[in-house]
Amino acid sequence: MNLRTLGAFLILMVIPIACNPAADSPETAKVYLLATPDWAIEEVYVNNALSYKDGKAVDNFGGIAFNRYMESVQFREDGAFVGRYPGEEKATVLHWQIDPATKTIVVTAADTTQDKRSGWTIAPRNVREDSFEMSTETTAFDYPRVTKIMLKFKKKD
């Protein structure tokens, strides 16, 4: 590959990243998340293995299988995190807020106190104007082993 081709390739790779930068703070992440009325699930990773993509489960031999995901979510100014499961009319309402100690956004059950909450974490580096990722670690699915789950959402069309 000659130098000119390599230069053109690098420019084409950098431009999309530079045009859609990640949030640099929880406050910027909050602005991005609130600016989009609806987010759609894009991918789910369980223990770093792709488990869901394009509306379909992806088989993982010996891995934990999930078949229930919020297909769309909303962040509201009042701290409500509203998610909808496929086929269910009633939305699930959780709570989101900035955690100043970790400089992240946390999504938790709406009826618990902050010091007893466990839930989902959204790091600013994983929030863009058109997508975000949230993750959690839990023993609920494979006790006593810890399962890591990461959800990728994109701006809903």
N, C-alpha and C. Protein backbone atom coordinates (compact mmCIF):
# COMPACT_ATOMS: atom_id res chain seq x y z
N MET A 1 0.85 -1.16 0.00
CA MET A 1 0.00 0.00 0.00
C MET A 1 0.90 1.23 0.00
N ASN A 2 0.66 2.13 -0.92
CA ASN A 2 1.51 3.32 -0.96
C ASN A 2 1.06 4.34 0.08
N LEU A 3 1.89 5.34 0.31
CA LEU A 3 1.65 6.34 1.35
C LEU A 3 0.37 7.14 1.10
N ARG A 4 0.08 7.47 -0.14
CA ARG A 4 -1.12 8.25 -0.46
C ARG A 4 -2.38 7.45 -0.14
N THR A 5 -2.40 6.17 -0.48
CA THR A 5 -3.55 5.31 -0.19
C THR A 5 -3.73 5.15 1.31
N LEU A 6 -2.63 4.95 2.02
CA LEU A 6 -2.69 4.81 3.47
C LEU A 6 -3.23 6.09 4.11
N GLY A 7 -2.77 7.25 3.65
CA GLY A 7 -3.25 8.52 4.17
C GLY A 7 -4.74 8.71 3.95
N ALA A 8 -5.22 8.38 2.75
CA ALA A 8 -6.64 8.51 2.43
C ALA A 8 -7.46 7.56 3.31
N PHE A 9 -6.96 6.35 3.51
CA PHE A 9 -7.65 5.37 4.35
C PHE A 9 -7.77 5.88 5.79
N LEU A 10 -6.69 6.39 6.33
CA LEU A 10 -6.70 6.90 7.71
C LEU A 10 -7.65 8.08 7.86
N ILE A 11 -7.68 8.98 6.88
CA ILE A 11 -8.60 10.12 6.94
C ILE A 11 -10.04 9.65 6.92
N LEU A 12 -10.36 8.67 6.09
CA LEU A 12 -11.72 8.15 6.02
C LEU A 12 -12.12 7.45 7.31
N MET A 13 -11.18 6.88 8.02
CA MET A 13 -11.48 6.22 9.29
C MET A 13 -11.65 7.23 10.42
N VAL A 14 -10.92 8.32 10.39
CA VAL A 14 -10.94 9.31 11.47
C VAL A 14 -12.15 10.23 11.38
N ILE A 15 -12.58 10.60 10.19
CA ILE A 15 -13.67 11.56 10.02
C ILE A 15 -14.96 11.10 10.72
N PRO A 16 -15.44 9.86 10.54
CA PRO A 16 -16.68 9.48 11.24
C PRO A 16 -16.53 9.51 12.75
N ILE A 17 -15.38 9.14 13.26
CA ILE A 17 -15.17 9.16 14.70
C ILE A 17 -15.13 10.59 15.21
N ALA A 18 -14.46 11.47 14.51
CA ALA A 18 -14.34 12.86 14.93
C ALA A 18 -15.67 13.59 14.84
N CYS A 19 -16.53 13.19 13.93
CA CYS A 19 -17.82 13.86 13.75
C CYS A 19 -18.85 13.41 14.77
N ASN A 20 -18.61 12.35 15.47
CA ASN A 20 -19.54 11.83 16.47
C ASN A 20 -18.77 11.48 17.74
N PRO A 21 -18.22 12.48 18.40
CA PRO A 21 -17.37 12.19 19.55
C PRO A 21 -18.16 11.67 20.75
N ALA A 22 -17.47 10.94 21.59
CA ALA A 22 -18.06 10.46 22.84
C ALA A 22 -18.20 11.62 23.81
N ALA A 23 -19.12 11.50 24.73
CA ALA A 23 -19.28 12.51 25.77
C ALA A 23 -18.01 12.55 26.62
N ASP A 24 -17.65 13.74 27.06
CA ASP A 24 -16.44 13.87 27.87
C ASP A 24 -16.73 14.06 29.35
N SER A 25 -18.01 14.02 29.72
CA SER A 25 -18.39 14.16 31.12
C SER A 25 -19.79 13.59 31.31
N PRO A 26 -20.18 13.31 32.55
CA PRO A 26 -21.56 12.84 32.78
C PRO A 26 -22.60 13.87 32.35
N GLU A 27 -22.27 15.14 32.50
CA GLU A 27 -23.21 16.20 32.11
C GLU A 27 -23.43 16.21 30.60
N THR A 28 -22.37 16.04 29.82
CA THR A 28 -22.50 15.96 28.37
C THR A 28 -23.26 14.70 27.98
N ALA A 29 -22.96 13.58 28.65
CA ALA A 29 -23.69 12.33 28.38
C ALA A 29 -25.18 12.53 28.65
N LYS A 30 -25.50 13.21 29.72
CA LYS A 30 -26.91 13.49 30.06
C LYS A 30 -27.58 14.26 28.93
N VAL A 31 -26.90 15.28 28.40
CA VAL A 31 -27.45 16.08 27.30
C VAL A 31 -27.72 15.19 26.09
N TYR A 32 -26.76 14.33 25.73
CA TYR A 32 -26.93 13.42 24.58
C TYR A 32 -28.11 12.48 24.80
N LEU A 33 -28.20 11.89 26.00
CA LEU A 33 -29.24 10.90 26.28
C LEU A 33 -30.63 11.53 26.27
N LEU A 34 -30.75 12.74 26.80
CA LEU A 34 -32.04 13.41 26.84
C LEU A 34 -32.45 13.97 25.49
N ALA A 35 -31.50 14.24 24.62
CA ALA A 35 -31.80 14.84 23.31
C ALA A 35 -32.51 13.87 22.37
N THR A 36 -32.37 12.59 22.62
CA THR A 36 -33.01 11.58 21.77
C THR A 36 -34.27 11.07 22.46
N PRO A 37 -35.43 11.20 21.81
CA PRO A 37 -36.68 10.79 22.46
C PRO A 37 -36.79 9.28 22.69
N ASP A 38 -36.24 8.48 21.80
CA ASP A 38 -36.32 7.02 21.93
C ASP A 38 -35.03 6.38 21.45
N TRP A 39 -34.59 5.39 22.22
CA TRP A 39 -33.41 4.60 21.88
C TRP A 39 -33.86 3.17 21.62
N ALA A 40 -33.29 2.52 20.61
CA ALA A 40 -33.64 1.13 20.27
C ALA A 40 -32.47 0.21 20.57
N ILE A 41 -32.77 -0.97 21.08
CA ILE A 41 -31.72 -1.95 21.38
C ILE A 41 -31.07 -2.37 20.06
N GLU A 42 -29.76 -2.46 20.07
CA GLU A 42 -29.03 -2.86 18.87
C GLU A 42 -28.30 -4.19 19.08
N GLU A 43 -27.56 -4.27 20.19
CA GLU A 43 -26.80 -5.49 20.48
C GLU A 43 -26.76 -5.73 21.98
N VAL A 44 -26.61 -7.01 22.34
CA VAL A 44 -26.42 -7.40 23.73
C VAL A 44 -25.22 -8.34 23.80
N TYR A 45 -24.34 -8.07 24.75
CA TYR A 45 -23.19 -8.93 24.99
C TYR A 45 -23.29 -9.51 26.38
N VAL A 46 -23.07 -10.81 26.50
CA VAL A 46 -23.05 -11.49 27.78
C VAL A 46 -21.68 -12.12 27.94
N ASN A 47 -20.98 -11.70 28.98
CA ASN A 47 -19.59 -12.14 29.19
C ASN A 47 -18.76 -11.94 27.93
N ASN A 48 -18.92 -10.78 27.33
CA ASN A 48 -18.18 -10.34 26.14
C ASN A 48 -18.52 -11.11 24.87
N ALA A 49 -19.53 -11.95 24.90
CA ALA A 49 -19.95 -12.70 23.71
C ALA A 49 -21.27 -12.11 23.20
N LEU A 50 -21.34 -11.88 21.89
CA LEU A 50 -22.56 -11.35 21.30
C LEU A 50 -23.72 -12.31 21.55
N SER A 51 -24.82 -11.79 22.11
CA SER A 51 -25.96 -12.61 22.46
C SER A 51 -27.23 -12.21 21.71
N TYR A 52 -27.25 -10.99 21.19
CA TYR A 52 -28.44 -10.46 20.51
C TYR A 52 -27.99 -9.42 19.51
N LYS A 53 -28.53 -9.50 18.29
CA LYS A 53 -28.21 -8.51 17.26
C LYS A 53 -29.32 -8.53 16.21
N ASP A 54 -29.65 -7.34 15.71
CA ASP A 54 -30.65 -7.20 14.65
C ASP A 54 -31.98 -7.86 14.99
N GLY A 55 -32.39 -7.74 16.25
CA GLY A 55 -33.68 -8.28 16.66
C GLY A 55 -33.73 -9.77 16.89
N LYS A 56 -32.57 -10.43 16.87
CA LYS A 56 -32.54 -11.89 17.02
C LYS A 56 -31.49 -12.32 18.04
N ALA A 57 -31.81 -13.38 18.77
CA ALA A 57 -30.84 -13.97 19.69
C ALA A 57 -29.74 -14.64 18.89
N VAL A 58 -28.52 -14.57 19.41
CA VAL A 58 -27.37 -15.22 18.79
C VAL A 58 -26.96 -16.35 19.72
N ASP A 59 -26.95 -17.58 19.19
CA ASP A 59 -26.60 -18.73 20.03
C ASP A 59 -25.13 -18.69 20.44
N ASN A 60 -24.90 -19.00 21.70
CA ASN A 60 -23.55 -19.14 22.25
C ASN A 60 -23.49 -20.48 22.96
N PHE A 61 -22.68 -21.37 22.46
CA PHE A 61 -22.59 -22.70 23.03
C PHE A 61 -22.07 -22.62 24.46
N GLY A 62 -22.86 -23.13 25.39
CA GLY A 62 -22.46 -23.15 26.78
C GLY A 62 -22.64 -21.83 27.50
N GLY A 63 -23.10 -20.79 26.78
CA GLY A 63 -23.28 -19.47 27.38
C GLY A 63 -24.67 -19.30 27.95
N ILE A 64 -24.83 -18.25 28.70
CA ILE A 64 -26.13 -17.92 29.26
C ILE A 64 -27.01 -17.36 28.15
N ALA A 65 -28.24 -17.82 28.07
CA ALA A 65 -29.16 -17.35 27.03
C ALA A 65 -30.18 -16.39 27.65
N PHE A 66 -30.42 -15.30 26.97
CA PHE A 66 -31.43 -14.34 27.39
C PHE A 66 -32.42 -14.19 26.25
N ASN A 67 -33.69 -14.04 26.60
CA ASN A 67 -34.68 -13.86 25.55
C ASN A 67 -35.63 -12.71 25.85
N ARG A 68 -35.27 -11.86 26.80
CA ARG A 68 -36.13 -10.74 27.16
C ARG A 68 -35.30 -9.48 27.30
N TYR A 69 -35.54 -8.55 26.39
CA TYR A 69 -34.81 -7.29 26.38
C TYR A 69 -35.79 -6.15 26.20
N MET A 70 -35.46 -5.01 26.79
CA MET A 70 -36.22 -3.80 26.50
C MET A 70 -35.87 -3.41 25.07
N GLU A 71 -36.86 -3.37 24.20
CA GLU A 71 -36.57 -3.05 22.81
C GLU A 71 -36.40 -1.56 22.58
N SER A 72 -36.94 -0.75 23.49
CA SER A 72 -36.72 0.69 23.40
C SER A 72 -36.71 1.29 24.80
N VAL A 73 -35.95 2.38 24.94
CA VAL A 73 -35.86 3.06 26.23
C VAL A 73 -35.88 4.58 26.00
N GLN A 74 -36.24 5.29 27.07
CA GLN A 74 -36.24 6.75 27.07
C GLN A 74 -35.62 7.25 28.37
N PHE A 75 -34.89 8.33 28.27
CA PHE A 75 -34.40 9.04 29.45
C PHE A 75 -35.26 10.29 29.58
N ARG A 76 -35.83 10.52 30.74
CA ARG A 76 -36.66 11.70 30.95
C ARG A 76 -35.99 12.65 31.93
N GLU A 77 -36.30 13.92 31.78
CA GLU A 77 -35.71 14.97 32.62
C GLU A 77 -35.92 14.73 34.11
N ASP A 78 -37.06 14.13 34.47
CA ASP A 78 -37.38 13.93 35.88
C ASP A 78 -36.65 12.75 36.50
N GLY A 79 -35.74 12.11 35.76
CA GLY A 79 -34.99 10.97 36.27
C GLY A 79 -35.60 9.63 35.96
N ALA A 80 -36.70 9.62 35.24
CA ALA A 80 -37.33 8.34 34.86
C ALA A 80 -36.59 7.75 33.66
N PHE A 81 -36.36 6.46 33.74
CA PHE A 81 -35.80 5.67 32.64
C PHE A 81 -36.92 4.71 32.27
N VAL A 82 -37.52 4.92 31.10
CA VAL A 82 -38.71 4.18 30.71
C VAL A 82 -38.34 3.18 29.62
N GLY A 83 -38.60 1.91 29.88
CA GLY A 83 -38.28 0.86 28.92
C GLY A 83 -39.50 0.06 28.53
N ARG A 84 -39.48 -0.42 27.30
CA ARG A 84 -40.61 -1.22 26.80
C ARG A 84 -40.10 -2.58 26.31
N TYR A 85 -40.74 -3.63 26.84
CA TYR A 85 -40.45 -4.98 26.39
C TYR A 85 -41.36 -5.32 25.24
N PRO A 86 -40.89 -6.13 24.29
CA PRO A 86 -41.73 -6.52 23.15
C PRO A 86 -43.02 -7.21 23.62
N GLY A 87 -44.14 -6.81 23.05
CA GLY A 87 -45.41 -7.44 23.36
C GLY A 87 -46.08 -6.99 24.64
N GLU A 88 -45.46 -6.07 25.38
CA GLU A 88 -46.06 -5.59 26.62
C GLU A 88 -46.50 -4.15 26.45
N GLU A 89 -47.73 -3.87 26.84
CA GLU A 89 -48.26 -2.51 26.71
C GLU A 89 -47.71 -1.59 27.79
N LYS A 90 -47.60 -2.11 29.01
CA LYS A 90 -47.16 -1.28 30.13
C LYS A 90 -45.63 -1.17 30.14
N ALA A 91 -45.17 0.06 30.27
CA ALA A 91 -43.73 0.32 30.31
C ALA A 91 -43.17 0.01 31.69
N THR A 92 -41.88 -0.30 31.73
CA THR A 92 -41.16 -0.47 32.99
C THR A 92 -40.44 0.84 33.27
N VAL A 93 -40.60 1.34 34.49
CA VAL A 93 -39.99 2.62 34.85
C VAL A 93 -38.90 2.38 35.90
N LEU A 94 -37.70 2.78 35.55
CA LEU A 94 -36.56 2.74 36.46
C LEU A 94 -36.14 4.18 36.75
N HIS A 95 -35.03 4.35 37.42
CA HIS A 95 -34.53 5.68 37.78
C HIS A 95 -33.12 5.84 37.26
N TRP A 96 -32.78 7.02 36.74
CA TRP A 96 -31.42 7.30 36.31
C TRP A 96 -30.95 8.60 36.95
N GLN A 97 -29.65 8.65 37.22
CA GLN A 97 -29.06 9.89 37.74
C GLN A 97 -27.55 9.84 37.57
N ILE A 98 -26.94 10.99 37.66
CA ILE A 98 -25.48 11.07 37.63
C ILE A 98 -24.95 10.70 39.01
N ASP A 99 -23.97 9.81 39.04
CA ASP A 99 -23.31 9.45 40.29
C ASP A 99 -22.01 10.26 40.36
N PRO A 100 -21.96 11.27 41.22
CA PRO A 100 -20.77 12.12 41.27
C PRO A 100 -19.51 11.38 41.71
N ALA A 101 -19.65 10.34 42.50
CA ALA A 101 -18.49 9.59 42.99
C ALA A 101 -17.77 8.86 41.87
N THR A 102 -18.53 8.27 40.95
CA THR A 102 -17.92 7.50 39.86
C THR A 102 -17.90 8.26 38.54
N LYS A 103 -18.56 9.41 38.50
CA LYS A 103 -18.66 10.23 37.29
C LYS A 103 -19.27 9.43 36.13
N THR A 104 -20.31 8.68 36.49
CA THR A 104 -21.06 7.90 35.51
C THR A 104 -22.54 8.18 35.70
N ILE A 105 -23.35 7.62 34.81
CA ILE A 105 -24.80 7.65 34.97
C ILE A 105 -25.21 6.26 35.40
N VAL A 106 -26.05 6.18 36.44
CA VAL A 106 -26.52 4.89 36.92
C VAL A 106 -28.02 4.78 36.68
N VAL A 107 -28.44 3.58 36.31
CA VAL A 107 -29.86 3.27 36.11
C VAL A 107 -30.19 2.16 37.10
N THR A 108 -31.18 2.44 37.97
CA THR A 108 -31.51 1.50 39.04
C THR A 108 -33.02 1.41 39.21
N ALA A 109 -33.43 0.49 40.08
CA ALA A 109 -34.84 0.39 40.41
C ALA A 109 -35.28 1.71 41.03
N ALA A 110 -36.47 2.13 40.72
CA ALA A 110 -36.96 3.43 41.17
C ALA A 110 -37.29 3.46 42.66
N ASP A 111 -37.43 2.31 43.28
CA ASP A 111 -37.89 2.28 44.67
C ASP A 111 -36.81 1.92 45.69
N THR A 112 -35.55 2.10 45.36
CA THR A 112 -34.48 1.80 46.30
C THR A 112 -33.70 3.06 46.64
N THR A 113 -32.98 3.00 47.74
CA THR A 113 -32.16 4.15 48.11
C THR A 113 -30.81 4.02 47.41
N GLN A 114 -30.15 5.15 47.17
CA GLN A 114 -28.91 5.18 46.40
C GLN A 114 -27.85 4.24 46.96
N ASP A 115 -27.69 4.19 48.27
CA ASP A 115 -26.62 3.36 48.83
C ASP A 115 -26.91 1.87 48.72
N LYS A 116 -28.15 1.48 48.45
CA LYS A 116 -28.48 0.06 48.30
C LYS A 116 -28.73 -0.33 46.85
N ARG A 117 -28.50 0.60 45.96
CA ARG A 117 -28.80 0.33 44.55
C ARG A 117 -27.69 -0.46 43.87
N SER A 118 -28.11 -1.38 43.08
CA SER A 118 -27.22 -1.99 42.11
C SER A 118 -27.98 -1.87 40.81
N GLY A 119 -27.30 -1.75 39.76
CA GLY A 119 -28.02 -1.59 38.50
C GLY A 119 -27.06 -1.47 37.35
N TRP A 120 -27.40 -0.61 36.44
CA TRP A 120 -26.67 -0.43 35.20
C TRP A 120 -25.82 0.82 35.27
N THR A 121 -24.66 0.78 34.63
CA THR A 121 -23.75 1.91 34.59
C THR A 121 -23.57 2.35 33.14
N ILE A 122 -23.58 3.68 32.96
CA ILE A 122 -23.32 4.27 31.64
C ILE A 122 -22.14 5.21 31.80
N ALA A 123 -21.01 4.84 31.22
CA ALA A 123 -19.81 5.68 31.27
C ALA A 123 -19.90 6.72 30.16
N PRO A 124 -19.54 7.97 30.44
CA PRO A 124 -19.59 9.00 29.39
C PRO A 124 -18.86 8.61 28.11
N ARG A 125 -17.75 7.89 28.23
CA ARG A 125 -16.99 7.49 27.03
C ARG A 125 -17.79 6.56 26.11
N ASN A 126 -18.90 5.99 26.64
CA ASN A 126 -19.74 5.09 25.86
C ASN A 126 -21.04 5.74 25.39
N VAL A 127 -21.08 7.07 25.44
CA VAL A 127 -22.28 7.80 25.01
C VAL A 127 -21.90 8.72 23.86
N ARG A 128 -22.64 8.59 22.76
CA ARG A 128 -22.51 9.47 21.60
C ARG A 128 -23.90 10.02 21.30
N GLU A 129 -23.96 10.97 20.40
CA GLU A 129 -25.26 11.55 20.07
C GLU A 129 -26.22 10.54 19.47
N ASP A 130 -25.70 9.48 18.84
CA ASP A 130 -26.57 8.51 18.17
C ASP A 130 -26.51 7.10 18.77
N SER A 131 -25.79 6.92 19.88
CA SER A 131 -25.71 5.59 20.49
C SER A 131 -25.19 5.69 21.93
N PHE A 132 -25.44 4.63 22.69
CA PHE A 132 -24.85 4.54 24.02
C PHE A 132 -24.80 3.07 24.44
N GLU A 133 -23.96 2.81 25.42
CA GLU A 133 -23.82 1.46 25.99
C GLU A 133 -24.04 1.54 27.49
N MET A 134 -24.69 0.54 28.02
CA MET A 134 -24.85 0.42 29.47
C MET A 134 -24.46 -0.99 29.88
N SER A 135 -23.87 -1.11 31.07
CA SER A 135 -23.38 -2.42 31.49
C SER A 135 -23.69 -2.67 32.96
N THR A 136 -23.65 -3.95 33.31
CA THR A 136 -23.84 -4.36 34.69
C THR A 136 -23.11 -5.67 34.92
N GLU A 137 -22.91 -5.98 36.17
CA GLU A 137 -22.37 -7.28 36.59
C GLU A 137 -23.31 -7.83 37.64
N THR A 138 -23.65 -9.12 37.52
CA THR A 138 -24.62 -9.72 38.42
C THR A 138 -24.35 -11.20 38.62
N THR A 139 -24.77 -11.72 39.77
CA THR A 139 -24.72 -13.17 40.00
C THR A 139 -26.10 -13.79 39.84
N ALA A 140 -27.08 -13.01 39.44
CA ALA A 140 -28.47 -13.48 39.37
C ALA A 140 -28.69 -14.61 38.36
N PHE A 141 -27.87 -14.70 37.32
CA PHE A 141 -28.13 -15.67 36.27
C PHE A 141 -27.32 -16.94 36.38
N ASP A 142 -26.20 -16.90 37.10
CA ASP A 142 -25.30 -18.06 37.14
C ASP A 142 -24.57 -18.10 38.49
N TYR A 143 -25.33 -18.01 39.58
CA TYR A 143 -24.75 -17.93 40.91
C TYR A 143 -23.84 -19.13 41.17
N PRO A 144 -22.69 -18.94 41.74
CA PRO A 144 -22.09 -17.74 42.32
C PRO A 144 -21.21 -16.97 41.33
N ARG A 145 -21.19 -17.37 40.06
CA ARG A 145 -20.36 -16.68 39.08
C ARG A 145 -20.95 -15.32 38.72
N VAL A 146 -20.06 -14.38 38.44
CA VAL A 146 -20.48 -13.05 38.02
C VAL A 146 -20.68 -13.05 36.50
N THR A 147 -21.81 -12.56 36.08
CA THR A 147 -22.12 -12.42 34.66
C THR A 147 -22.04 -10.95 34.29
N LYS A 148 -21.31 -10.64 33.22
CA LYS A 148 -21.21 -9.27 32.71
C LYS A 148 -22.17 -9.13 31.53
N ILE A 149 -22.98 -8.08 31.58
CA ILE A 149 -23.94 -7.83 30.50
C ILE A 149 -23.73 -6.40 30.01
N MET A 150 -23.69 -6.25 28.70
CA MET A 150 -23.54 -4.93 28.10
C MET A 150 -24.60 -4.79 26.99
N LEU A 151 -25.37 -3.70 27.07
CA LEU A 151 -26.40 -3.42 26.09
C LEU A 151 -25.97 -2.24 25.23
N LYS A 152 -26.15 -2.35 23.93
CA LYS A 152 -25.87 -1.24 23.01
C LYS A 152 -27.20 -0.75 22.45
N PHE A 153 -27.42 0.54 22.57
CA PHE A 153 -28.62 1.16 22.03
C PHE A 153 -28.23 2.16 20.95
N LYS A 154 -29.12 2.35 19.99
CA LYS A 154 -28.91 3.36 18.95
C LYS A 154 -30.14 4.27 18.91
N LYS A 155 -29.95 5.43 18.36
CA LYS A 155 -31.03 6.39 18.18
C LYS A 155 -32.11 5.73 17.35
N LYS A 156 -33.33 5.76 17.84
CA LYS A 156 -34.45 5.12 17.14
C LYS A 156 -34.86 5.97 15.95
N ASP A 157 -35.04 5.31 14.81
CA ASP A 157 -35.45 6.02 13.59
C ASP A 157 -36.90 6.41 13.61
